[in-house]
Amino acid sequence: MTIYVPLIGMLWRTLDSYGLNPDSVIPENIYRPGAEPGFDDRISYEAFEALLRQTVDLVGDPAIGLRAAEQLHPSHLGALGYAWMASSSLRTAIMRSERFHRMLNEQLTVHVTKPRGVLQVEYRQPRNTRIQSEQFDARLGSLLQLCRLNFGKDLVPAYVCMERPEPPDSRPWTRFFGTSVRFDESLNCLALRKLDADKLLTVSNPELLVIHEDIMARYLAKLDRSHITNRVLTAILDLLPSGQTKEDSVATQLRMTRRTLRNKLRSEGTSFRRLLRDLRKDLVHRYVGDDSYSITEIAFLLGYADTSSFSRAFKNWFGASPTEYRRLLKEPD
């Protein structure tokens, strides 16, 4: 799993904002301001996380994630940042981010749902890290920073939820988000009121969107071809509605033996069963939040033979039946 190198520009500016020399933390062969990004400008997630840990330890500010979000510039996100700025509304910008966010960070997933009256954006990361609190501070803060760049500085979220424990002094979080943050929650999310999410923006530029979406699509296509994990996920997506989501079927589609497939996935730190489970969980979260899909249709789309098997799996994942979960999503806070 890898990270888009220009994202380190936000880290560079964060160190500089504390009066620290970024050269002492970020190696020259990884990032320098002004370098022209290319398709191959990526570093491993482990290397990126090591830079983050070093920065967090060096600065010693509990609210460093919020400071980092303030340093974000759309150019740090490449074509996605420029497409964001040219979007017609915050909703279209957010939906575009959900679609293309993988070009920035292959570890992170973005889930957009529509509970009553709001547009909710949730970030998920597959593993816990020592600096997870700071990372989600920066991610949710960066989302709001981008929204405010388009909408205006007075934008206030409907609510902000974080898994992190409440800090001893939560005032920096309240000041940044403009509302009290709900700490110790079961998810990391930010919600915008529907009226704010759908307000037409004066910065919209359809011509620029076409250009940058083409760049992002080509980037993701190249990225997908370079990782067996992404190739397997694509194959599973193709096979899900047919119910033929077996390891042998995917291996055949990728023109390799099951043993070779297992070894390649193991080299990337995952397995077929884990990918299938996680993909189903990601997809079902979107489908259940959309009333246009019946429970039976969702079970079919995810490759289950019947709704009872699907319901059992869903309850194991989320602690409620699909129908109960859908009802909870609609309930007002």
C-alpha atoms as a PDB file:
ATOM      1  CA  MET A   1       0.000   0.000   0.000  1.00  0.00           C
ATOM      2  CA  THR A   2       1.341   3.394  -1.000  1.00  0.00           C
ATOM      3  CA  ILE A   3       0.864   7.167  -0.577  1.00  0.00           C
ATOM      4  CA  TYR A   4       0.885   9.970  -3.159  1.00  0.00           C
ATOM      5  CA  VAL A   5       4.144  11.866  -2.494  1.00  0.00           C
ATOM      6  CA  PRO A   6       2.789  15.452  -2.944  1.00  0.00           C
ATOM      7  CA  LEU A   7       0.689  14.859   0.205  1.00  0.00           C
ATOM      8  CA  ILE A   8       3.961  15.295   2.094  1.00  0.00           C
ATOM      9  CA  GLY A   9       3.740  18.967   1.146  1.00  0.00           C
ATOM     10  CA  MET A  10       1.170  19.341   3.929  1.00  0.00           C
ATOM     11  CA  LEU A  11       3.627  17.779   6.385  1.00  0.00           C
ATOM     12  CA  TRP A  12       6.384  20.099   5.134  1.00  0.00           C
ATOM     13  CA  ARG A  13       4.233  23.181   5.731  1.00  0.00           C
ATOM     14  CA  THR A  14       3.189  21.870   9.157  1.00  0.00           C
ATOM     15  CA  LEU A  15       6.787  21.557  10.330  1.00  0.00           C
ATOM     16  CA  ASP A  16       7.534  25.006   8.943  1.00  0.00           C
ATOM     17  CA  SER A  17       4.523  26.473  10.804  1.00  0.00           C
ATOM     18  CA  TYR A  18       6.081  25.348  14.103  1.00  0.00           C
ATOM     19  CA  GLY A  19       9.371  27.035  13.194  1.00  0.00           C
ATOM     20  CA  LEU A  20      11.077  23.699  12.521  1.00  0.00           C
ATOM     21  CA  ASN A  21      13.295  22.879   9.555  1.00  0.00           C
ATOM     22  CA  PRO A  22      11.464  20.324   7.350  1.00  0.00           C
ATOM     23  CA  ASP A  23      14.806  19.275   5.816  1.00  0.00           C
ATOM     24  CA  SER A  24      15.716  17.604   9.112  1.00  0.00           C
ATOM     25  CA  VAL A  25      12.710  15.276   8.949  1.00  0.00           C
ATOM     26  CA  ILE A  26      11.853  14.738   5.277  1.00  0.00           C
ATOM     27  CA  PRO A  27      14.661  13.198   3.171  1.00  0.00           C
ATOM     28  CA  GLU A  28      15.541  14.983  -0.068  1.00  0.00           C
ATOM     29  CA  ASN A  29      15.007  11.818  -2.109  1.00  0.00           C
ATOM     30  CA  ILE A  30      11.377  11.649  -0.916  1.00  0.00           C
ATOM     31  CA  TYR A  31      10.070  15.212  -1.207  1.00  0.00           C
ATOM     32  CA  ARG A  32      11.103  18.761  -1.887  1.00  0.00           C
ATOM     33  CA  PRO A  33       8.810  21.714  -2.693  1.00  0.00           C
ATOM     34  CA  GLY A  34       8.544  22.496  -6.379  1.00  0.00           C
ATOM     35  CA  ALA A  35       9.280  18.964  -7.582  1.00  0.00           C
ATOM     36  CA  GLU A  36       7.088  17.968 -10.519  1.00  0.00           C
ATOM     37  CA  PRO A  37       4.874  15.009  -9.470  1.00  0.00           C
ATOM     38  CA  GLY A  38       4.584  12.055 -11.811  1.00  0.00           C
ATOM     39  CA  PHE A  39       2.710   8.771 -12.001  1.00  0.00           C
ATOM     40  CA  ASP A  40       5.429   6.991 -10.031  1.00  0.00           C
ATOM     41  CA  ASP A  41       5.735   9.543  -7.206  1.00  0.00           C
ATOM     42  CA  ARG A  42       4.606   7.258  -4.416  1.00  0.00           C
ATOM     43  CA  ILE A  43       6.134   5.965  -1.182  1.00  0.00           C
ATOM     44  CA  SER A  44       5.162   3.030   0.983  1.00  0.00           C
ATOM     45  CA  TYR A  45       2.615   3.628   3.688  1.00  0.00           C
ATOM     46  CA  GLU A  46       5.179   2.457   6.247  1.00  0.00           C
ATOM     47  CA  ALA A  47       7.679   5.122   5.150  1.00  0.00           C
ATOM     48  CA  PHE A  48       4.986   7.799   5.224  1.00  0.00           C
ATOM     49  CA  GLU A  49       3.835   6.758   8.691  1.00  0.00           C
ATOM     50  CA  ALA A  50       7.417   6.868   9.964  1.00  0.00           C
ATOM     51  CA  LEU A  51       7.618  10.529   8.855  1.00  0.00           C
ATOM     52  CA  LEU A  52       4.335  11.248  10.631  1.00  0.00           C
ATOM     53  CA  ARG A  53       5.504   9.592  13.864  1.00  0.00           C
ATOM     54  CA  GLN A  54       8.760  11.510  13.801  1.00  0.00           C
ATOM     55  CA  THR A  55       6.901  14.783  13.285  1.00  0.00           C
ATOM     56  CA  VAL A  56       4.360  14.101  16.056  1.00  0.00           C
ATOM     57  CA  ASP A  57       7.148  13.228  18.506  1.00  0.00           C
ATOM     58  CA  LEU A  58       9.223  16.246  17.509  1.00  0.00           C
ATOM     59  CA  VAL A  59       6.409  18.792  17.787  1.00  0.00           C
ATOM     60  CA  GLY A  60       4.668  17.475  20.902  1.00  0.00           C
ATOM     61  CA  ASP A  61       1.397  19.330  20.194  1.00  0.00           C
ATOM     62  CA  PRO A  62      -1.754  17.253  20.921  1.00  0.00           C
ATOM     63  CA  ALA A  63      -3.615  19.270  18.259  1.00  0.00           C
ATOM     64  CA  ILE A  64      -0.990  18.840  15.533  1.00  0.00           C
ATOM     65  CA  GLY A  65      -3.510  17.119  13.268  1.00  0.00           C
ATOM     66  CA  LEU A  66      -5.644  20.260  13.214  1.00  0.00           C
ATOM     67  CA  ARG A  67      -2.580  22.413  12.515  1.00  0.00           C
ATOM     68  CA  ALA A  68      -1.705  20.095   9.630  1.00  0.00           C
ATOM     69  CA  ALA A  69      -5.216  20.452   8.182  1.00  0.00           C
ATOM     70  CA  GLU A  70      -4.797  24.229   8.163  1.00  0.00           C
ATOM     71  CA  GLN A  71      -1.689  23.805   5.984  1.00  0.00           C
ATOM     72  CA  LEU A  72      -3.471  21.791   3.293  1.00  0.00           C
ATOM     73  CA  HIS A  73      -3.443  23.253  -0.201  1.00  0.00           C
ATOM     74  CA  PRO A  74      -5.397  21.681  -3.110  1.00  0.00           C
ATOM     75  CA  SER A  75      -2.115  21.151  -4.995  1.00  0.00           C
ATOM     76  CA  HIS A  76      -1.116  18.588  -2.354  1.00  0.00           C
ATOM     77  CA  LEU A  77      -3.917  16.390  -3.726  1.00  0.00           C
ATOM     78  CA  GLY A  78      -2.870  16.639  -7.358  1.00  0.00           C
ATOM     79  CA  ALA A  79      -5.683  16.360  -9.912  1.00  0.00           C
ATOM     80  CA  LEU A  80      -8.175  15.504  -7.164  1.00  0.00           C
ATOM     81  CA  GLY A  81      -7.466  18.819  -5.434  1.00  0.00           C
ATOM     82  CA  TYR A  82      -8.003  20.821  -8.620  1.00  0.00           C
ATOM     83  CA  ALA A  83     -11.155  18.842  -9.451  1.00  0.00           C
ATOM     84  CA  TRP A  84     -12.440  19.547  -5.949  1.00  0.00           C
ATOM     85  CA  MET A  85     -11.992  23.280  -6.425  1.00  0.00           C
ATOM     86  CA  ALA A  86     -13.841  23.166  -9.775  1.00  0.00           C
ATOM     87  CA  SER A  87     -16.838  21.196  -8.427  1.00  0.00           C
ATOM     88  CA  SER A  88     -20.353  22.616  -8.650  1.00  0.00           C
ATOM     89  CA  SER A  89     -21.237  21.825  -5.023  1.00  0.00           C
ATOM     90  CA  LEU A  90     -19.700  20.281  -1.926  1.00  0.00           C
ATOM     91  CA  ARG A  91     -21.776  17.162  -2.537  1.00  0.00           C
ATOM     92  CA  THR A  92     -20.287  16.600  -5.994  1.00  0.00           C
ATOM     93  CA  ALA A  93     -16.802  17.346  -4.657  1.00  0.00           C
ATOM     94  CA  ILE A  94     -17.248  14.807  -1.852  1.00  0.00           C
ATOM     95  CA  MET A  95     -18.667  12.127  -4.145  1.00  0.00           C
ATOM     96  CA  ARG A  96     -15.698  12.671  -6.466  1.00  0.00           C
ATOM     97  CA  SER A  97     -13.357  12.288  -3.484  1.00  0.00           C
ATOM     98  CA  GLU A  98     -15.012   9.002  -2.544  1.00  0.00           C
ATOM     99  CA  ARG A  99     -14.462   7.732  -6.062  1.00  0.00           C
ATOM    100  CA  PHE A 100     -10.843   8.826  -6.503  1.00  0.00           C
ATOM    101  CA  HIS A 101      -9.405   9.061  -2.970  1.00  0.00           C
ATOM    102  CA  ARG A 102      -7.464   5.838  -3.465  1.00  0.00           C
ATOM    103  CA  MET A 103      -5.008   7.670  -5.719  1.00  0.00           C
ATOM    104  CA  LEU A 104      -3.845   9.551  -2.599  1.00  0.00           C
ATOM    105  CA  ASN A 105      -3.870   6.845   0.060  1.00  0.00           C
ATOM    106  CA  GLU A 106      -4.454   3.154  -0.609  1.00  0.00           C
ATOM    107  CA  GLN A 107      -4.782   2.407   3.110  1.00  0.00           C
ATOM    108  CA  LEU A 108      -7.736   4.714   3.648  1.00  0.00           C
ATOM    109  CA  THR A 109     -11.342   4.233   2.528  1.00  0.00           C
ATOM    110  CA  VAL A 110     -13.987   6.945   2.228  1.00  0.00           C
ATOM    111  CA  HIS A 111     -17.667   6.174   2.813  1.00  0.00           C
ATOM    112  CA  VAL A 112     -20.380   8.694   1.966  1.00  0.00           C
ATOM    113  CA  THR A 113     -23.881   8.141   3.333  1.00  0.00           C
ATOM    114  CA  LYS A 114     -27.014  10.255   3.478  1.00  0.00           C
ATOM    115  CA  PRO A 115     -28.715  10.110   6.876  1.00  0.00           C
ATOM    116  CA  ARG A 116     -31.738  12.372   7.145  1.00  0.00           C
ATOM    117  CA  GLY A 117     -30.907  15.978   6.362  1.00  0.00           C
ATOM    118  CA  VAL A 118     -27.111  15.553   6.103  1.00  0.00           C
ATOM    119  CA  LEU A 119     -24.302  14.234   3.942  1.00  0.00           C
ATOM    120  CA  GLN A 120     -21.963  12.145   6.115  1.00  0.00           C
ATOM    121  CA  VAL A 121     -18.352  11.380   5.203  1.00  0.00           C
ATOM    122  CA  GLU A 122     -16.646   8.584   7.131  1.00  0.00           C
ATOM    123  CA  TYR A 123     -12.961   7.656   6.987  1.00  0.00           C
ATOM    124  CA  ARG A 124     -11.791   4.125   7.775  1.00  0.00           C
ATOM    125  CA  GLN A 125      -8.307   2.720   8.209  1.00  0.00           C
ATOM    126  CA  PRO A 126      -7.695  -1.039   8.403  1.00  0.00           C
ATOM    127  CA  ARG A 127      -5.218  -0.987  11.283  1.00  0.00           C
ATOM    128  CA  ASN A 128      -4.587   0.961  14.461  1.00  0.00           C
ATOM    129  CA  THR A 129      -1.401   2.978  14.850  1.00  0.00           C
ATOM    130  CA  ARG A 130       0.208   4.931  17.664  1.00  0.00           C
ATOM    131  CA  ILE A 131      -0.649   8.196  15.925  1.00  0.00           C
ATOM    132  CA  GLN A 132      -4.146   7.241  14.794  1.00  0.00           C
ATOM    133  CA  SER A 133      -5.791  10.077  16.739  1.00  0.00           C
ATOM    134  CA  GLU A 134      -3.570  12.669  15.081  1.00  0.00           C
ATOM    135  CA  GLN A 135      -4.175  11.114  11.657  1.00  0.00           C
ATOM    136  CA  PHE A 136      -7.955  11.290  11.911  1.00  0.00           C
ATOM    137  CA  ASP A 137      -7.765  14.816  13.328  1.00  0.00           C
ATOM    138  CA  ALA A 138      -5.867  15.752  10.165  1.00  0.00           C
ATOM    139  CA  ARG A 139      -8.205  13.865   7.818  1.00  0.00           C
ATOM    140  CA  LEU A 140     -11.458  15.273   9.149  1.00  0.00           C
ATOM    141  CA  GLY A 141      -9.848  18.684   9.522  1.00  0.00           C
ATOM    142  CA  SER A 142      -8.565  18.546   5.937  1.00  0.00           C
ATOM    143  CA  LEU A 143     -12.031  17.672   4.674  1.00  0.00           C
ATOM    144  CA  LEU A 144     -13.480  20.723   6.390  1.00  0.00           C
ATOM    145  CA  GLN A 145     -10.565  22.871   5.194  1.00  0.00           C
ATOM    146  CA  LEU A 146     -11.301  21.901   1.576  1.00  0.00           C
ATOM    147  CA  CYS A 147     -15.022  22.494   2.044  1.00  0.00           C
ATOM    148  CA  ARG A 148     -14.354  25.945   3.463  1.00  0.00           C
ATOM    149  CA  LEU A 149     -12.063  26.812   0.553  1.00  0.00           C
ATOM    150  CA  ASN A 150     -15.048  26.263  -1.762  1.00  0.00           C
ATOM    151  CA  PHE A 151     -17.929  27.351   0.443  1.00  0.00           C
ATOM    152  CA  GLY A 152     -16.501  30.015   2.730  1.00  0.00           C
ATOM    153  CA  LYS A 153     -14.825  30.224   6.131  1.00  0.00           C
ATOM    154  CA  ASP A 154     -18.152  30.357   7.977  1.00  0.00           C
ATOM    155  CA  LEU A 155     -19.074  26.752   7.091  1.00  0.00           C
ATOM    156  CA  VAL A 156     -19.847  24.707  10.243  1.00  0.00           C
ATOM    157  CA  PRO A 157     -20.468  20.926  10.107  1.00  0.00           C
ATOM    158  CA  ALA A 158     -23.740  19.433  11.315  1.00  0.00           C
ATOM    159  CA  TYR A 159     -21.633  17.178  13.542  1.00  0.00           C
ATOM    160  CA  VAL A 160     -18.147  15.663  13.888  1.00  0.00           C
ATOM    161  CA  CYS A 161     -17.530  12.237  15.455  1.00  0.00           C
ATOM    162  CA  MET A 162     -14.162  10.738  16.399  1.00  0.00           C
ATOM    163  CA  GLU A 163     -13.062   7.410  17.831  1.00  0.00           C
ATOM    164  CA  ARG A 164     -10.246   9.094  19.727  1.00  0.00           C
ATOM    165  CA  PRO A 165     -10.607   9.752  23.462  1.00  0.00           C
ATOM    166  CA  GLU A 166     -11.500  13.296  24.424  1.00  0.00           C
ATOM    167  CA  PRO A 167      -8.295  15.335  24.914  1.00  0.00           C
ATOM    168  CA  PRO A 168      -7.725  17.069  28.277  1.00  0.00           C
ATOM    169  CA  ASP A 169      -8.324  20.402  26.544  1.00  0.00           C
ATOM    170  CA  SER A 170     -10.838  20.079  23.705  1.00  0.00           C
ATOM    171  CA  ARG A 171     -11.028  23.806  22.943  1.00  0.00           C
ATOM    172  CA  PRO A 172      -8.722  23.623  19.873  1.00  0.00           C
ATOM    173  CA  TRP A 173     -11.115  21.085  18.314  1.00  0.00           C
ATOM    174  CA  THR A 174     -14.173  23.229  19.067  1.00  0.00           C
ATOM    175  CA  ARG A 175     -12.460  26.308  17.636  1.00  0.00           C
ATOM    176  CA  PHE A 176     -11.366  24.533  14.476  1.00  0.00           C
ATOM    177  CA  PHE A 177     -14.643  22.793  13.641  1.00  0.00           C
ATOM    178  CA  GLY A 178     -16.912  25.522  15.004  1.00  0.00           C
ATOM    179  CA  THR A 179     -18.913  22.961  16.970  1.00  0.00           C
ATOM    180  CA  SER A 180     -18.381  20.507  19.815  1.00  0.00           C
ATOM    181  CA  VAL A 181     -16.753  17.284  18.631  1.00  0.00           C
ATOM    182  CA  ARG A 182     -18.229  13.977  19.799  1.00  0.00           C
ATOM    183  CA  PHE A 183     -15.281  11.971  21.087  1.00  0.00           C
ATOM    184  CA  ASP A 184     -15.140   8.254  22.007  1.00  0.00           C
ATOM    185  CA  GLU A 185     -17.519   7.381  19.171  1.00  0.00           C
ATOM    186  CA  SER A 186     -17.513   4.218  17.051  1.00  0.00           C
ATOM    187  CA  LEU A 187     -16.527   5.993  13.811  1.00  0.00           C
ATOM    188  CA  ASN A 188     -14.580   8.937  12.404  1.00  0.00           C
ATOM    189  CA  CYS A 189     -16.929  11.116  10.385  1.00  0.00           C
ATOM    190  CA  LEU A 190     -18.003  14.644   9.506  1.00  0.00           C
ATOM    191  CA  ALA A 191     -21.480  15.574   8.315  1.00  0.00           C
ATOM    192  CA  LEU A 192     -22.642  18.580   6.339  1.00  0.00           C
ATOM    193  CA  ARG A 193     -26.197  19.883   6.336  1.00  0.00           C
ATOM    194  CA  LYS A 194     -27.984  19.096   3.085  1.00  0.00           C
ATOM    195  CA  LEU A 195     -28.546  22.772   2.291  1.00  0.00           C
ATOM    196  CA  ASP A 196     -24.802  23.442   2.605  1.00  0.00           C
ATOM    197  CA  ALA A 197     -23.800  20.323   0.661  1.00  0.00           C
ATOM    198  CA  ASP A 198     -26.105  21.174  -2.260  1.00  0.00           C
ATOM    199  CA  LYS A 199     -25.498  24.921  -2.471  1.00  0.00           C
ATOM    200  CA  LEU A 200     -24.260  25.804  -5.967  1.00  0.00           C
ATOM    201  CA  LEU A 201     -20.741  27.216  -5.894  1.00  0.00           C
ATOM    202  CA  THR A 202     -19.408  30.088  -7.973  1.00  0.00           C
ATOM    203  CA  VAL A 203     -16.046  28.329  -8.471  1.00  0.00           C
ATOM    204  CA  SER A 204     -17.514  25.556 -10.655  1.00  0.00           C
ATOM    205  CA  ASN A 205     -15.664  24.868 -13.925  1.00  0.00           C
ATOM    206  CA  PRO A 206     -16.973  21.908 -15.986  1.00  0.00           C
ATOM    207  CA  GLU A 207     -14.130  22.077 -18.526  1.00  0.00           C
ATOM    208  CA  LEU A 208     -11.480  21.729 -15.819  1.00  0.00           C
ATOM    209  CA  LEU A 209     -13.413  18.848 -14.271  1.00  0.00           C
ATOM    210  CA  VAL A 210     -13.312  16.867 -17.499  1.00  0.00           C
ATOM    211  CA  ILE A 211      -9.545  17.333 -17.755  1.00  0.00           C
ATOM    212  CA  HIS A 212      -8.773  16.382 -14.155  1.00  0.00           C
ATOM    213  CA  GLU A 213     -11.178  13.438 -14.039  1.00  0.00           C
ATOM    214  CA  ASP A 214      -9.418  12.001 -17.071  1.00  0.00           C
ATOM    215  CA  ILE A 215      -6.055  12.432 -15.328  1.00  0.00           C
ATOM    216  CA  MET A 216      -7.371  10.713 -12.185  1.00  0.00           C
ATOM    217  CA  ALA A 217      -8.926   7.836 -14.109  1.00  0.00           C
ATOM    218  CA  ARG A 218      -5.657   7.166 -15.946  1.00  0.00           C
ATOM    219  CA  TYR A 219      -3.702   7.421 -12.696  1.00  0.00           C
ATOM    220  CA  LEU A 220      -5.936   4.873 -10.951  1.00  0.00           C
ATOM    221  CA  ALA A 221      -5.800   2.535 -13.940  1.00  0.00           C
ATOM    222  CA  LYS A 222      -1.991   2.551 -13.788  1.00  0.00           C
ATOM    223  CA  LEU A 223      -2.053   2.117 -10.023  1.00  0.00           C
ATOM    224  CA  ASP A 224      -4.467  -0.800 -10.261  1.00  0.00           C
ATOM    225  CA  ARG A 225      -2.281  -2.635 -12.756  1.00  0.00           C
ATOM    226  CA  SER A 226       0.682  -2.434 -10.393  1.00  0.00           C
ATOM    227  CA  HIS A 227      -0.882  -4.167  -7.353  1.00  0.00           C
ATOM    228  CA  ILE A 228      -2.270  -7.692  -7.162  1.00  0.00           C
ATOM    229  CA  THR A 229      -4.616  -6.569  -4.360  1.00  0.00           C
ATOM    230  CA  ASN A 230      -6.344  -4.096  -6.649  1.00  0.00           C
ATOM    231  CA  ARG A 231      -6.516  -6.608  -9.488  1.00  0.00           C
ATOM    232  CA  VAL A 232      -8.183  -9.116  -7.163  1.00  0.00           C
ATOM    233  CA  LEU A 233     -10.657  -6.508  -5.912  1.00  0.00           C
ATOM    234  CA  THR A 234     -11.556  -5.643  -9.508  1.00  0.00           C
ATOM    235  CA  ALA A 235     -12.080  -9.335 -10.312  1.00  0.00           C
ATOM    236  CA  ILE A 236     -14.247  -9.822  -7.214  1.00  0.00           C
ATOM    237  CA  LEU A 237     -16.388  -6.822  -8.193  1.00  0.00           C
ATOM    238  CA  ASP A 238     -16.937  -8.383 -11.619  1.00  0.00           C
ATOM    239  CA  LEU A 239     -17.896 -11.754 -10.147  1.00  0.00           C
ATOM    240  CA  LEU A 240     -20.004 -10.691  -7.145  1.00  0.00           C
ATOM    241  CA  PRO A 241     -23.420 -10.546  -8.859  1.00  0.00           C
ATOM    242  CA  SER A 242     -22.874 -14.005 -10.361  1.00  0.00           C
ATOM    243  CA  GLY A 243     -22.202 -15.537  -6.951  1.00  0.00           C
ATOM    244  CA  GLN A 244     -18.942 -17.041  -8.278  1.00  0.00           C
ATOM    245  CA  THR A 245     -16.671 -15.262  -5.806  1.00  0.00           C
ATOM    246  CA  LYS A 246     -14.456 -18.255  -5.153  1.00  0.00           C
ATOM    247  CA  GLU A 247     -10.688 -18.058  -4.907  1.00  0.00           C
ATOM    248  CA  ASP A 248     -10.334 -20.473  -7.826  1.00  0.00           C
ATOM    249  CA  SER A 249     -12.607 -18.346 -10.031  1.00  0.00           C
ATOM    250  CA  VAL A 250     -10.610 -15.191  -9.338  1.00  0.00           C
ATOM    251  CA  ALA A 251      -7.290 -16.971  -9.894  1.00  0.00           C
ATOM    252  CA  THR A 252      -8.550 -18.277 -13.241  1.00  0.00           C
ATOM    253  CA  GLN A 253      -9.693 -14.797 -14.279  1.00  0.00           C
ATOM    254  CA  LEU A 254      -6.245 -13.419 -13.411  1.00  0.00           C
ATOM    255  CA  ARG A 255      -4.567 -16.299 -15.281  1.00  0.00           C
ATOM    256  CA  MET A 256      -2.655 -17.738 -12.361  1.00  0.00           C
ATOM    257  CA  THR A 257      -2.904 -20.717 -10.037  1.00  0.00           C
ATOM    258  CA  ARG A 258      -4.603 -20.444  -6.657  1.00  0.00           C
ATOM    259  CA  ARG A 259      -1.256 -21.029  -4.962  1.00  0.00           C
ATOM    260  CA  THR A 260       0.372 -18.172  -6.912  1.00  0.00           C
ATOM    261  CA  LEU A 261      -2.550 -15.905  -6.056  1.00  0.00           C
ATOM    262  CA  ARG A 262      -2.225 -16.723  -2.356  1.00  0.00           C
ATOM    263  CA  ASN A 263       1.512 -16.084  -2.356  1.00  0.00           C
ATOM    264  CA  LYS A 264       1.135 -12.747  -4.154  1.00  0.00           C
ATOM    265  CA  LEU A 265      -1.574 -11.584  -1.763  1.00  0.00           C
ATOM    266  CA  ARG A 266       0.494 -12.718   1.213  1.00  0.00           C
ATOM    267  CA  SER A 267       3.397 -10.611  -0.054  1.00  0.00           C
ATOM    268  CA  GLU A 268       1.075  -7.563   0.136  1.00  0.00           C
ATOM    269  CA  GLY A 269      -0.059  -8.477   3.650  1.00  0.00           C
ATOM    270  CA  THR A 270      -3.558  -9.709   2.888  1.00  0.00           C
ATOM    271  CA  SER A 271      -5.593 -12.737   1.798  1.00  0.00           C
ATOM    272  CA  PHE A 272      -8.493 -13.537  -0.513  1.00  0.00           C
ATOM    273  CA  ARG A 273     -10.939 -14.102   2.340  1.00  0.00           C
ATOM    274  CA  ARG A 274     -10.029 -10.794   3.952  1.00  0.00           C
ATOM    275  CA  LEU A 275     -10.397  -8.877   0.684  1.00  0.00           C
ATOM    276  CA  LEU A 276     -13.781 -10.444  -0.050  1.00  0.00           C
ATOM    277  CA  ARG A 277     -15.054  -9.746   3.469  1.00  0.00           C
ATOM    278  CA  ASP A 278     -13.823  -6.155   3.547  1.00  0.00           C
ATOM    279  CA  LEU A 279     -15.135  -5.379   0.063  1.00  0.00           C
ATOM    280  CA  ARG A 280     -18.562  -6.730   0.941  1.00  0.00           C
ATOM    281  CA  LYS A 281     -18.607  -4.663   4.134  1.00  0.00           C
ATOM    282  CA  ASP A 282     -17.610  -1.529   2.242  1.00  0.00           C
ATOM    283  CA  LEU A 283     -20.231  -2.041  -0.468  1.00  0.00           C
ATOM    284  CA  VAL A 284     -23.056  -3.007   1.858  1.00  0.00           C
ATOM    285  CA  HIS A 285     -22.556   0.157   3.879  1.00  0.00           C
ATOM    286  CA  ARG A 286     -23.304   2.183   0.742  1.00  0.00           C
ATOM    287  CA  TYR A 287     -26.166   0.008  -0.506  1.00  0.00           C
ATOM    288  CA  VAL A 288     -28.067  -0.092   2.779  1.00  0.00           C
ATOM    289  CA  GLY A 289     -27.899   3.700   3.002  1.00  0.00           C
ATOM    290  CA  ASP A 290     -29.602   3.944  -0.401  1.00  0.00           C
ATOM    291  CA  ASP A 291     -33.349   3.209  -0.290  1.00  0.00           C
ATOM    292  CA  SER A 292     -33.427   2.466  -4.019  1.00  0.00           C
ATOM    293  CA  TYR A 293     -31.955  -0.982  -3.241  1.00  0.00           C
ATOM    294  CA  SER A 294     -34.107  -3.643  -1.576  1.00  0.00           C
ATOM    295  CA  ILE A 295     -32.493  -6.016   0.926  1.00  0.00           C
ATOM    296  CA  THR A 296     -32.921  -8.866  -1.569  1.00  0.00           C
ATOM    297  CA  GLU A 297     -31.204  -6.846  -4.308  1.00  0.00           C
ATOM    298  CA  ILE A 298     -28.294  -6.021  -1.991  1.00  0.00           C
ATOM    299  CA  ALA A 299     -27.839  -9.698  -1.105  1.00  0.00           C
ATOM    300  CA  PHE A 300     -27.716 -10.535  -4.835  1.00  0.00           C
ATOM    301  CA  LEU A 301     -25.289  -7.725  -5.653  1.00  0.00           C
ATOM    302  CA  LEU A 302     -22.914  -8.957  -2.942  1.00  0.00           C
ATOM    303  CA  GLY A 303     -22.963 -12.530  -4.231  1.00  0.00           C
ATOM    304  CA  TYR A 304     -25.039 -14.191  -1.494  1.00  0.00           C
ATOM    305  CA  ALA A 305     -27.215 -17.141  -2.428  1.00  0.00           C
ATOM    306  CA  ASP A 306     -30.105 -15.972  -0.239  1.00  0.00           C
ATOM    307  CA  THR A 307     -31.126 -13.097   2.032  1.00  0.00           C
ATOM    308  CA  SER A 308     -30.806 -15.164   5.220  1.00  0.00           C
ATOM    309  CA  SER A 309     -27.084 -15.766   4.612  1.00  0.00           C
ATOM    310  CA  PHE A 310     -26.620 -12.107   3.860  1.00  0.00           C
ATOM    311  CA  SER A 311     -28.557 -11.029   6.972  1.00  0.00           C
ATOM    312  CA  ARG A 312     -26.452 -13.286   9.206  1.00  0.00           C
ATOM    313  CA  ALA A 313     -23.223 -11.852   7.815  1.00  0.00           C
ATOM    314  CA  PHE A 314     -24.555  -8.292   8.129  1.00  0.00           C
ATOM    315  CA  LYS A 315     -25.524  -8.797  11.771  1.00  0.00           C
ATOM    316  CA  ASN A 316     -22.050 -10.179  12.539  1.00  0.00           C
ATOM    317  CA  TRP A 317     -20.500  -7.047  10.995  1.00  0.00           C
ATOM    318  CA  PHE A 318     -22.761  -4.318  12.343  1.00  0.00           C
ATOM    319  CA  GLY A 319     -24.693  -5.829  15.274  1.00  0.00           C
ATOM    320  CA  ALA A 320     -28.101  -5.296  13.646  1.00  0.00           C
ATOM    321  CA  SER A 321     -30.144  -6.671  10.756  1.00  0.00           C
ATOM    322  CA  PRO A 322     -30.010  -4.794   7.426  1.00  0.00           C
ATOM    323  CA  THR A 323     -33.569  -3.517   7.952  1.00  0.00           C
ATOM    324  CA  GLU A 324     -32.824  -2.325  11.507  1.00  0.00           C
ATOM    325  CA  TYR A 325     -29.591  -0.662  10.392  1.00  0.00           C
ATOM    326  CA  ARG A 326     -31.354   1.148   7.543  1.00  0.00           C
ATOM    327  CA  ARG A 327     -33.949   2.437   9.985  1.00  0.00           C
ATOM    328  CA  LEU A 328     -31.219   3.665  12.370  1.00  0.00           C
ATOM    329  CA  LEU A 329     -29.556   5.600   9.551  1.00  0.00           C
ATOM    330  CA  LYS A 330     -32.786   7.524   8.994  1.00  0.00           C
ATOM    331  CA  GLU A 331     -33.372   8.414  12.623  1.00  0.00           C
ATOM    332  CA  PRO A 332     -32.629  12.054  13.526  1.00  0.00           C
ATOM    333  CA  ASP A 333     -29.877  12.667  16.068  1.00  0.00           C
END
